[in-house]
C-alpha atoms as a PDB file:
ATOM      1  CA  MET A   1      12.032  27.020   2.138  1.00  0.00           C
ATOM      2  CA  SER A   2      10.181  29.453   0.025  1.00  0.00           C
ATOM      3  CA  ILE A   3       7.648  28.431  -2.496  1.00  0.00           C
ATOM      4  CA  THR A   4       8.117  30.211  -5.938  1.00  0.00           C
ATOM      5  CA  ALA A   5       6.796  29.669  -9.428  1.00  0.00           C
ATOM      6  CA  ALA A   6       9.703  27.293 -10.090  1.00  0.00           C
ATOM      7  CA  THR A   7       8.940  24.905  -7.156  1.00  0.00           C
ATOM      8  CA  LYS A   8       7.665  21.521  -8.258  1.00  0.00           C
ATOM      9  CA  VAL A   9       4.559  20.179  -6.832  1.00  0.00           C
ATOM     10  CA  TYR A  10       3.936  16.441  -5.924  1.00  0.00           C
ATOM     11  CA  GLY A  11       1.008  14.962  -4.021  1.00  0.00           C
ATOM     12  CA  VAL A  12      -1.250  12.151  -3.105  1.00  0.00           C
ATOM     13  CA  ILE A  13      -4.696  11.627  -4.620  1.00  0.00           C
ATOM     14  CA  GLY A  14      -7.590   9.499  -3.555  1.00  0.00           C
ATOM     15  CA  ASP A  15     -10.916   9.372  -1.807  1.00  0.00           C
ATOM     16  CA  PRO A  16     -10.659   9.883   1.209  1.00  0.00           C
ATOM     17  CA  VAL A  17      -7.105  11.346   1.341  1.00  0.00           C
ATOM     18  CA  THR A  18      -7.284  13.715   4.322  1.00  0.00           C
ATOM     19  CA  HIS A  19      -5.995  11.103   6.698  1.00  0.00           C
ATOM     20  CA  SER A  20      -2.997  10.608   4.693  1.00  0.00           C
ATOM     21  CA  LEU A  21       0.725  10.854   6.306  1.00  0.00           C
ATOM     22  CA  SER A  22       2.262  10.916   2.872  1.00  0.00           C
ATOM     23  CA  PRO A  23       2.741  14.833   3.205  1.00  0.00           C
ATOM     24  CA  VAL A  24       4.662  14.477   6.414  1.00  0.00           C
ATOM     25  CA  MET A  25       6.903  11.672   5.214  1.00  0.00           C
ATOM     26  CA  HIS A  26       7.685  13.413   1.751  1.00  0.00           C
ATOM     27  CA  ASN A  27       8.003  16.793   2.779  1.00  0.00           C
ATOM     28  CA  GLY A  28      10.435  15.622   5.516  1.00  0.00           C
ATOM     29  CA  TRP A  29      12.544  13.970   2.901  1.00  0.00           C
ATOM     30  CA  ILE A  30      12.203  17.033   0.396  1.00  0.00           C
ATOM     31  CA  ALA A  31      13.814  19.172   3.265  1.00  0.00           C
ATOM     32  CA  ASP A  32      16.359  16.456   4.045  1.00  0.00           C
ATOM     33  CA  HIS A  33      17.674  16.948   0.485  1.00  0.00           C
ATOM     34  CA  ARG A  34      16.905  20.648  -0.110  1.00  0.00           C
ATOM     35  CA  ILE A  35      14.821  19.966  -3.126  1.00  0.00           C
ATOM     36  CA  ASP A  36      12.718  22.873  -4.455  1.00  0.00           C
ATOM     37  CA  ALA A  37       9.405  21.031  -4.143  1.00  0.00           C
ATOM     38  CA  VAL A  38       6.269  20.635  -2.092  1.00  0.00           C
ATOM     39  CA  TYR A  39       4.077  17.788  -1.548  1.00  0.00           C
ATOM     40  CA  VAL A  40       0.330  17.901  -0.710  1.00  0.00           C
ATOM     41  CA  ALA A  41      -2.765  15.948  -0.371  1.00  0.00           C
ATOM     42  CA  LEU A  42      -5.574  16.171  -2.961  1.00  0.00           C
ATOM     43  CA  PRO A  43      -8.865  14.773  -2.370  1.00  0.00           C
ATOM     44  CA  LEU A  44     -10.109  13.394  -5.852  1.00  0.00           C
ATOM     45  CA  ARG A  45     -13.805  12.361  -6.382  1.00  0.00           C
ATOM     46  CA  SER A  46     -14.736  11.949  -9.936  1.00  0.00           C
ATOM     47  CA  ASP A  47     -17.225  10.014 -12.209  1.00  0.00           C
ATOM     48  CA  ASP A  48     -14.200   9.698 -14.684  1.00  0.00           C
ATOM     49  CA  ALA A  49     -11.064   9.486 -12.791  1.00  0.00           C
ATOM     50  CA  VAL A  50      -8.958   8.722 -15.827  1.00  0.00           C
ATOM     51  CA  VAL A  51      -9.842  12.042 -17.250  1.00  0.00           C
ATOM     52  CA  ALA A  52      -9.550  13.913 -13.989  1.00  0.00           C
ATOM     53  CA  ILE A  53      -5.963  12.501 -13.438  1.00  0.00           C
ATOM     54  CA  ARG A  54      -4.865  13.413 -16.933  1.00  0.00           C
ATOM     55  CA  ALA A  55      -6.168  16.922 -16.141  1.00  0.00           C
ATOM     56  CA  LEU A  56      -3.692  17.325 -13.132  1.00  0.00           C
ATOM     57  CA  ASN A  57      -1.251  19.344 -15.170  1.00  0.00           C
ATOM     58  CA  GLY A  58       0.388  21.134 -12.426  1.00  0.00           C
ATOM     59  CA  PHE A  59       1.708  18.024 -10.726  1.00  0.00           C
ATOM     60  CA  ALA A  60       5.256  16.801 -11.495  1.00  0.00           C
ATOM     61  CA  GLY A  61       4.530  13.423  -9.592  1.00  0.00           C
ATOM     62  CA  LEU A  62       1.789  11.783  -7.701  1.00  0.00           C
ATOM     63  CA  ASN A  63       0.935   8.885  -5.223  1.00  0.00           C
ATOM     64  CA  VAL A  64      -2.475   7.404  -5.945  1.00  0.00           C
ATOM     65  CA  THR A  65      -4.563   5.663  -3.201  1.00  0.00           C
ATOM     66  CA  VAL A  66      -7.960   4.040  -3.186  1.00  0.00           C
ATOM     67  CA  PRO A  67     -10.008   4.195  -5.321  1.00  0.00           C
ATOM     68  CA  HIS A  68      -8.058   5.457  -8.133  1.00  0.00           C
ATOM     69  CA  LYS A  69      -5.051   2.933  -8.624  1.00  0.00           C
ATOM     70  CA  GLU A  70      -6.613   1.331 -11.641  1.00  0.00           C
ATOM     71  CA  ALA A  71      -7.532   4.706 -13.190  1.00  0.00           C
ATOM     72  CA  ALA A  72      -3.977   5.910 -12.554  1.00  0.00           C
ATOM     73  CA  ALA A  73      -2.463   2.963 -14.678  1.00  0.00           C
ATOM     74  CA  LYS A  74      -4.927   3.845 -17.618  1.00  0.00           C
ATOM     75  CA  ALA A  75      -4.450   7.616 -17.333  1.00  0.00           C
ATOM     76  CA  ALA A  76      -0.684   7.129 -17.905  1.00  0.00           C
ATOM     77  CA  ALA A  77       0.894   7.040 -21.258  1.00  0.00           C
ATOM     78  CA  ARG A  78       3.061   4.165 -20.097  1.00  0.00           C
ATOM     79  CA  SER A  79       2.418   1.806 -17.101  1.00  0.00           C
ATOM     80  CA  GLU A  80       4.412  -1.148 -15.818  1.00  0.00           C
ATOM     81  CA  ALA A  81       1.265  -2.642 -14.060  1.00  0.00           C
ATOM     82  CA  ALA A  82      -2.663  -2.822 -14.378  1.00  0.00           C
ATOM     83  CA  VAL A  83      -2.884  -0.872 -11.116  1.00  0.00           C
ATOM     84  CA  ALA A  84      -0.433   2.042 -10.181  1.00  0.00           C
ATOM     85  CA  ASN A  85       0.242   3.936  -7.078  1.00  0.00           C
ATOM     86  CA  VAL A  86       2.864   6.213  -8.444  1.00  0.00           C
ATOM     87  CA  LEU A  87       2.715   8.691 -11.381  1.00  0.00           C
ATOM     88  CA  ARG A  88       5.706  10.612 -12.900  1.00  0.00           C
ATOM     89  CA  ARG A  89       5.557  13.554 -15.311  1.00  0.00           C
ATOM     90  CA  GLU A  90       7.770  12.943 -18.216  1.00  0.00           C
ATOM     91  CA  ASP A  91       9.342  15.392 -20.694  1.00  0.00           C
ATOM     92  CA  ASP A  92       6.604  14.963 -23.135  1.00  0.00           C
ATOM     93  CA  GLY A  93       4.093  16.207 -20.536  1.00  0.00           C
ATOM     94  CA  ARG A  94       2.380  12.857 -20.102  1.00  0.00           C
ATOM     95  CA  PHE A  95       2.504  10.506 -16.966  1.00  0.00           C
ATOM     96  CA  SER A  96       4.391   7.217 -16.477  1.00  0.00           C
ATOM     97  CA  ALA A  97       2.906   4.917 -14.009  1.00  0.00           C
ATOM     98  CA  PHE A  98       4.415   2.379 -11.441  1.00  0.00           C
ATOM     99  CA  ASN A  99       3.561   0.252  -8.587  1.00  0.00           C
ATOM    100  CA  THR A 100       5.562   0.395  -5.458  1.00  0.00           C
ATOM    101  CA  ASP A 101       2.985  -1.153  -3.219  1.00  0.00           C
ATOM    102  CA  GLY A 102       4.219  -4.856  -3.687  1.00  0.00           C
ATOM    103  CA  GLN A 103       7.853  -4.142  -3.334  1.00  0.00           C
ATOM    104  CA  GLY A 104       7.245  -1.731  -0.437  1.00  0.00           C
ATOM    105  CA  PHE A 105       5.282  -4.321   1.364  1.00  0.00           C
ATOM    106  CA  LEU A 106       8.255  -6.850   0.860  1.00  0.00           C
ATOM    107  CA  ASP A 107      10.795  -4.273   2.210  1.00  0.00           C
ATOM    108  CA  SER A 108       8.478  -3.836   5.092  1.00  0.00           C
ATOM    109  CA  LEU A 109       7.976  -7.515   5.671  1.00  0.00           C
ATOM    110  CA  THR A 110      11.733  -8.205   5.225  1.00  0.00           C
ATOM    111  CA  GLU A 111      12.835  -5.505   7.821  1.00  0.00           C
ATOM    112  CA  SER A 112      10.113  -6.914  10.399  1.00  0.00           C
ATOM    113  CA  ALA A 113      10.725 -10.539   9.886  1.00  0.00           C
ATOM    114  CA  PRO A 114      13.845 -11.063   8.240  1.00  0.00           C
ATOM    115  CA  SER A 115      13.530 -14.903   7.872  1.00  0.00           C
ATOM    116  CA  TRP A 116       9.955 -14.954   6.378  1.00  0.00           C
ATOM    117  CA  ARG A 117      11.031 -16.731   3.263  1.00  0.00           C
ATOM    118  CA  SER A 118      12.151 -19.747   5.129  1.00  0.00           C
ATOM    119  CA  HIS A 119       8.770 -20.622   6.254  1.00  0.00           C
ATOM    120  CA  VAL A 120       6.137 -18.767   4.220  1.00  0.00           C
ATOM    121  CA  ARG A 121       4.538 -21.136   1.809  1.00  0.00           C
ATOM    122  CA  ARG A 122       0.826 -20.070   1.585  1.00  0.00           C
ATOM    123  CA  ALA A 123      -0.155 -16.398   1.891  1.00  0.00           C
ATOM    124  CA  LEU A 124      -3.666 -15.063   2.391  1.00  0.00           C
ATOM    125  CA  ILE A 125      -4.551 -11.631   1.414  1.00  0.00           C
ATOM    126  CA  VAL A 126      -7.806 -10.186   2.712  1.00  0.00           C
ATOM    127  CA  GLY A 127      -9.208  -7.811   0.137  1.00  0.00           C
ATOM    128  CA  ALA A 128      -8.739  -7.549  -3.642  1.00  0.00           C
ATOM    129  CA  GLY A 129      -8.262  -4.057  -4.514  1.00  0.00           C
ATOM    130  CA  GLY A 130      -5.055  -2.322  -6.079  1.00  0.00           C
ATOM    131  CA  ALA A 131      -2.898  -2.818  -2.950  1.00  0.00           C
ATOM    132  CA  ALA A 132      -3.876  -6.364  -2.703  1.00  0.00           C
ATOM    133  CA  LEU A 133      -3.025  -7.110  -6.354  1.00  0.00           C
ATOM    134  CA  GLY A 134       0.322  -5.303  -5.890  1.00  0.00           C
ATOM    135  CA  ILE A 135       1.252  -7.299  -2.732  1.00  0.00           C
ATOM    136  CA  GLY A 136       0.031 -10.577  -4.119  1.00  0.00           C
ATOM    137  CA  ALA A 137       2.079 -10.214  -7.365  1.00  0.00           C
ATOM    138  CA  ALA A 138       5.137  -9.281  -5.348  1.00  0.00           C
ATOM    139  CA  LEU A 139       4.648 -12.429  -3.138  1.00  0.00           C
ATOM    140  CA  SER A 140       4.004 -14.625  -5.723  1.00  0.00           C
ATOM    141  CA  PRO A 141       7.444 -15.650  -6.757  1.00  0.00           C
ATOM    142  CA  PHE A 142       8.461 -16.476  -3.259  1.00  0.00           C
ATOM    143  CA  VAL A 143       5.330 -18.673  -2.025  1.00  0.00           C
ATOM    144  CA  ASP A 144       3.568 -21.692  -3.298  1.00  0.00           C
ATOM    145  CA  THR A 145       0.001 -20.027  -3.295  1.00  0.00           C
ATOM    146  CA  VAL A 146      -1.411 -16.514  -2.803  1.00  0.00           C
ATOM    147  CA  HIS A 147      -5.068 -16.837  -1.684  1.00  0.00           C
ATOM    148  CA  PHE A 148      -7.549 -13.807  -1.918  1.00  0.00           C
ATOM    149  CA  ALA A 149     -10.388 -13.578   0.479  1.00  0.00           C
ATOM    150  CA  ASN A 150     -12.895 -10.650  -0.679  1.00  0.00           C
ATOM    151  CA  ARG A 151     -16.374  -9.794   0.407  1.00  0.00           C
ATOM    152  CA  THR A 152     -17.288  -9.667  -3.361  1.00  0.00           C
ATOM    153  CA  ALA A 153     -16.311 -12.913  -4.760  1.00  0.00           C
ATOM    154  CA  ASP A 154     -16.219 -11.958  -8.380  1.00  0.00           C
ATOM    155  CA  ARG A 155     -13.596  -9.185  -7.605  1.00  0.00           C
ATOM    156  CA  GLY A 156     -11.440 -11.647  -5.560  1.00  0.00           C
ATOM    157  CA  GLU A 157     -11.517 -14.210  -8.536  1.00  0.00           C
ATOM    158  CA  GLN A 158     -10.574 -11.413 -11.018  1.00  0.00           C
ATOM    159  CA  THR A 159      -7.556 -10.444  -8.670  1.00  0.00           C
ATOM    160  CA  ALA A 160      -6.612 -14.092  -8.080  1.00  0.00           C
ATOM    161  CA  ALA A 161      -6.558 -14.831 -11.889  1.00  0.00           C
ATOM    162  CA  SER A 162      -4.132 -12.299 -12.534  1.00  0.00           C
ATOM    163  CA  ILE A 163      -1.334 -14.056 -10.529  1.00  0.00           C
ATOM    164  CA  PRO A 164      -0.066 -17.514 -11.669  1.00  0.00           C
ATOM    165  CA  ASN A 165      -0.525 -19.124  -8.360  1.00  0.00           C
ATOM    166  CA  GLY A 166      -3.388 -17.042  -7.265  1.00  0.00           C
ATOM    167  CA  ARG A 167      -6.425 -18.619  -5.483  1.00  0.00           C
ATOM    168  CA  THR A 168      -9.696 -17.501  -3.898  1.00  0.00           C
ATOM    169  CA  THR A 169     -11.116 -18.201  -0.557  1.00  0.00           C
ATOM    170  CA  ARG A 170     -14.740 -17.802   0.530  1.00  0.00           C
ATOM    171  CA  TRP A 171     -15.341 -14.787   2.806  1.00  0.00           C
ATOM    172  CA  ASP A 172     -17.217 -17.082   4.931  1.00  0.00           C
ATOM    173  CA  ASP A 173     -14.445 -19.492   5.125  1.00  0.00           C
ATOM    174  CA  LEU A 174     -11.957 -17.138   6.905  1.00  0.00           C
ATOM    175  CA  GLU A 175     -11.579 -19.560   9.962  1.00  0.00           C
ATOM    176  CA  ARG A 176     -10.040 -22.241   7.776  1.00  0.00           C
ATOM    177  CA  ALA A 177      -8.092 -19.742   5.775  1.00  0.00           C
ATOM    178  CA  PHE A 178      -6.494 -18.207   8.764  1.00  0.00           C
ATOM    179  CA  GLY A 179      -5.793 -21.570  10.087  1.00  0.00           C
ATOM    180  CA  HIS A 180      -3.747 -22.550   6.921  1.00  0.00           C
ATOM    181  CA  ALA A 181      -1.814 -19.411   6.271  1.00  0.00           C
ATOM    182  CA  ASP A 182       1.852 -18.763   7.067  1.00  0.00           C
ATOM    183  CA  LEU A 183       1.117 -15.017   6.160  1.00  0.00           C
ATOM    184  CA  ILE A 184      -1.927 -13.116   6.536  1.00  0.00           C
ATOM    185  CA  VAL A 185      -2.175  -9.573   4.879  1.00  0.00           C
ATOM    186  CA  GLN A 186      -5.025  -7.364   5.619  1.00  0.00           C
ATOM    187  CA  THR A 187      -5.564  -4.712   2.800  1.00  0.00           C
ATOM    188  CA  THR A 188      -9.150  -3.480   3.278  1.00  0.00           C
ATOM    189  CA  THR A 189     -10.377  -0.423   5.282  1.00  0.00           C
ATOM    190  CA  LEU A 190     -11.720  -2.729   7.952  1.00  0.00           C
ATOM    191  CA  GLY A 191     -10.464  -1.622  11.215  1.00  0.00           C
ATOM    192  CA  MET A 192      -9.429   1.853   9.873  1.00  0.00           C
ATOM    193  CA  ALA A 193     -10.416   4.687  12.105  1.00  0.00           C
ATOM    194  CA  GLY A 194     -14.103   5.644  11.357  1.00  0.00           C
ATOM    195  CA  GLN A 195     -14.564   2.483   9.372  1.00  0.00           C
ATOM    196  CA  PRO A 196     -16.250  -0.883  10.558  1.00  0.00           C
ATOM    197  CA  GLU A 197     -14.419  -3.322  12.666  1.00  0.00           C
ATOM    198  CA  MET A 198     -14.422  -6.974  12.345  1.00  0.00           C
ATOM    199  CA  ALA A 199     -13.861 -10.021  14.548  1.00  0.00           C
ATOM    200  CA  TRP A 200     -10.942 -11.727  12.866  1.00  0.00           C
ATOM    201  CA  PRO A 201     -10.643 -15.507  13.507  1.00  0.00           C
ATOM    202  CA  VAL A 202      -6.927 -15.022  14.775  1.00  0.00           C
ATOM    203  CA  SER A 203      -7.449 -17.870  17.306  1.00  0.00           C
ATOM    204  CA  PHE A 204      -7.312 -20.246  14.260  1.00  0.00           C
ATOM    205  CA  CYS A 205      -3.881 -19.057  13.206  1.00  0.00           C
ATOM    206  CA  ARG A 206      -0.743 -21.411  13.285  1.00  0.00           C
ATOM    207  CA  PRO A 207       1.613 -20.473  16.095  1.00  0.00           C
ATOM    208  CA  ASN A 208       4.363 -19.107  13.784  1.00  0.00           C
ATOM    209  CA  ALA A 209       1.995 -17.278  11.401  1.00  0.00           C
ATOM    210  CA  ILE A 210       2.957 -13.581  10.418  1.00  0.00           C
ATOM    211  CA  VAL A 211      -0.044 -11.221  10.467  1.00  0.00           C
ATOM    212  CA  ALA A 212       0.297  -7.758   8.618  1.00  0.00           C
ATOM    213  CA  ASP A 213      -2.352  -4.930   8.390  1.00  0.00           C
ATOM    214  CA  ILE A 214      -1.669  -2.000   5.806  1.00  0.00           C
ATOM    215  CA  VAL A 215      -3.897   0.257   7.832  1.00  0.00           C
ATOM    216  CA  TYR A 216      -1.915   2.809   9.910  1.00  0.00           C
ATOM    217  CA  ARG A 217      -4.648   4.981  11.325  1.00  0.00           C
ATOM    218  CA  PRO A 218      -4.831   3.465  14.040  1.00  0.00           C
ATOM    219  CA  LEU A 219      -1.395   1.820  14.263  1.00  0.00           C
ATOM    220  CA  ASN A 220      -2.727  -0.943  16.308  1.00  0.00           C
ATOM    221  CA  THR A 221      -5.546  -2.230  14.537  1.00  0.00           C
ATOM    222  CA  PRO A 222      -8.021  -4.715  16.096  1.00  0.00           C
ATOM    223  CA  LEU A 223      -6.405  -7.495  13.808  1.00  0.00           C
ATOM    224  CA  LEU A 224      -2.875  -6.729  15.236  1.00  0.00           C
ATOM    225  CA  THR A 225      -4.027  -6.478  18.775  1.00  0.00           C
ATOM    226  CA  ALA A 226      -5.432  -9.998  18.466  1.00  0.00           C
ATOM    227  CA  ALA A 227      -2.390 -11.160  16.622  1.00  0.00           C
ATOM    228  CA  ARG A 228      -0.258  -9.863  19.488  1.00  0.00           C
ATOM    229  CA  ASP A 229      -2.311 -11.382  22.132  1.00  0.00           C
ATOM    230  CA  ARG A 230      -1.706 -14.721  20.467  1.00  0.00           C
ATOM    231  CA  GLY A 231       2.028 -13.972  20.486  1.00  0.00           C
ATOM    232  CA  LEU A 232       2.239 -13.902  16.698  1.00  0.00           C
ATOM    233  CA  LYS A 233       4.663 -11.679  14.735  1.00  0.00           C
ATOM    234  CA  ALA A 234       2.300  -8.597  13.998  1.00  0.00           C
ATOM    235  CA  ILE A 235       3.375  -5.945  11.353  1.00  0.00           C
ATOM    236  CA  ASP A 236       1.740  -2.571  11.173  1.00  0.00           C
ATOM    237  CA  GLY A 237       0.912  -0.547   8.115  1.00  0.00           C
ATOM    238  CA  LEU A 238       3.580   2.177   8.864  1.00  0.00           C
ATOM    239  CA  GLY A 239       6.363   0.139   7.456  1.00  0.00           C
ATOM    240  CA  MET A 240       4.660  -0.380   3.995  1.00  0.00           C
ATOM    241  CA  LEU A 241       3.688   3.336   3.778  1.00  0.00           C
ATOM    242  CA  ILE A 242       7.213   4.156   4.327  1.00  0.00           C
ATOM    243  CA  HIS A 243       9.007   1.727   2.055  1.00  0.00           C
ATOM    244  CA  GLN A 244       6.508   2.228  -0.868  1.00  0.00           C
ATOM    245  CA  GLY A 245       7.071   5.904  -0.347  1.00  0.00           C
ATOM    246  CA  ALA A 246      10.609   5.654  -0.558  1.00  0.00           C
ATOM    247  CA  ARG A 247      10.580   3.802  -3.808  1.00  0.00           C
ATOM    248  CA  ALA A 248       8.193   6.547  -5.072  1.00  0.00           C
ATOM    249  CA  PHE A 249      10.773   9.292  -3.887  1.00  0.00           C
ATOM    250  CA  GLU A 250      13.452   7.378  -5.670  1.00  0.00           C
ATOM    251  CA  ILE A 251      11.479   7.318  -8.866  1.00  0.00           C
ATOM    252  CA  TRP A 252      10.785  11.004  -8.863  1.00  0.00           C
ATOM    253  CA  PHE A 253      14.286  12.351  -7.539  1.00  0.00           C
ATOM    254  CA  GLU A 254      16.766   9.478  -7.970  1.00  0.00           C
ATOM    255  CA  ILE A 255      17.400   9.629  -4.215  1.00  0.00           C
ATOM    256  CA  LYS A 256      17.078   7.120  -1.717  1.00  0.00           C
ATOM    257  CA  PRO A 257      15.528   8.840   1.384  1.00  0.00           C
ATOM    258  CA  ASP A 258      16.144   7.761   5.007  1.00  0.00           C
ATOM    259  CA  VAL A 259      13.402   5.300   6.076  1.00  0.00           C
ATOM    260  CA  ALA A 260      14.380   5.454   9.691  1.00  0.00           C
ATOM    261  CA  LYS A 261      13.896   9.296   9.837  1.00  0.00           C
ATOM    262  CA  ALA A 262      10.443   8.935   8.181  1.00  0.00           C
ATOM    263  CA  ARG A 263       9.361   6.427  10.831  1.00  0.00           C
ATOM    264  CA  GLN A 264      10.186   8.940  13.568  1.00  0.00           C
ATOM    265  CA  ARG A 265       8.266  11.741  11.825  1.00  0.00           C
ATOM    266  CA  LEU A 266       5.355   9.532  11.418  1.00  0.00           C
ATOM    267  CA  LEU A 267       5.109   8.242  14.890  1.00  0.00           C
ATOM    268  CA  ALA A 268       5.509  11.874  16.107  1.00  0.00           C
ATOM    269  CA  ALA A 269       2.615  12.795  13.848  1.00  0.00           C
ATOM    270  CA  LEU A 270       0.506   9.775  15.050  1.00  0.00           C
ATOM    271  CA  GLY A 271       1.025  11.003  18.586  1.00  0.00           C
END
């Protein structure tokens, strides 16, 4: 496909963003459907991310990753949530904002553990950023409680307070929290390539606990390795990346892309 002045530009913004596999995924789908568009990764570092996002006039749509999800919601003329990971350019030239993180996670969870709703009553989310909030809000109607454990306690309390059945767990009480949870979702950068690792208290987990990590570089994080060593159901971050991306693609193009093809391409890109 040749790029012309008529080609629409989409992309992912964040800091850092050079590790992102979103260009591989979305450009693959764009090619599948012969759409005159291109998708790029754009590092965005700014003291005023709201202003910086509004200035991205050349983009027809954007995915948004850390640390700009709250700014993306504020930068949009219309937003369905307080944090956003998808922006779409409207006919009036302004952005509308959406959050596909939560539903994308549920899609991935259901794909990997179809019967999870029958036994997950207490969810533990490690972290309290935009992805944690999106996932917590999506899980909230299906579980009794959603507990957040965050290194910065104030941020954890703020995130938990935004969900009707949200609760907080002290960071120094992770052993008890892991032991009580039916579902554990790790949403921080801990374990990501180039980031610090942590000795997670997986030995305290229940025998039927599900452990998910939204990190996908590396695909097998220390948390997931420890979970598999315990014989627990472990879900890598590639599923959420694909499913939240598929929902974004549908928002932009009104087309449901092939998630199986995306996984094949991303696994090849990861080597």
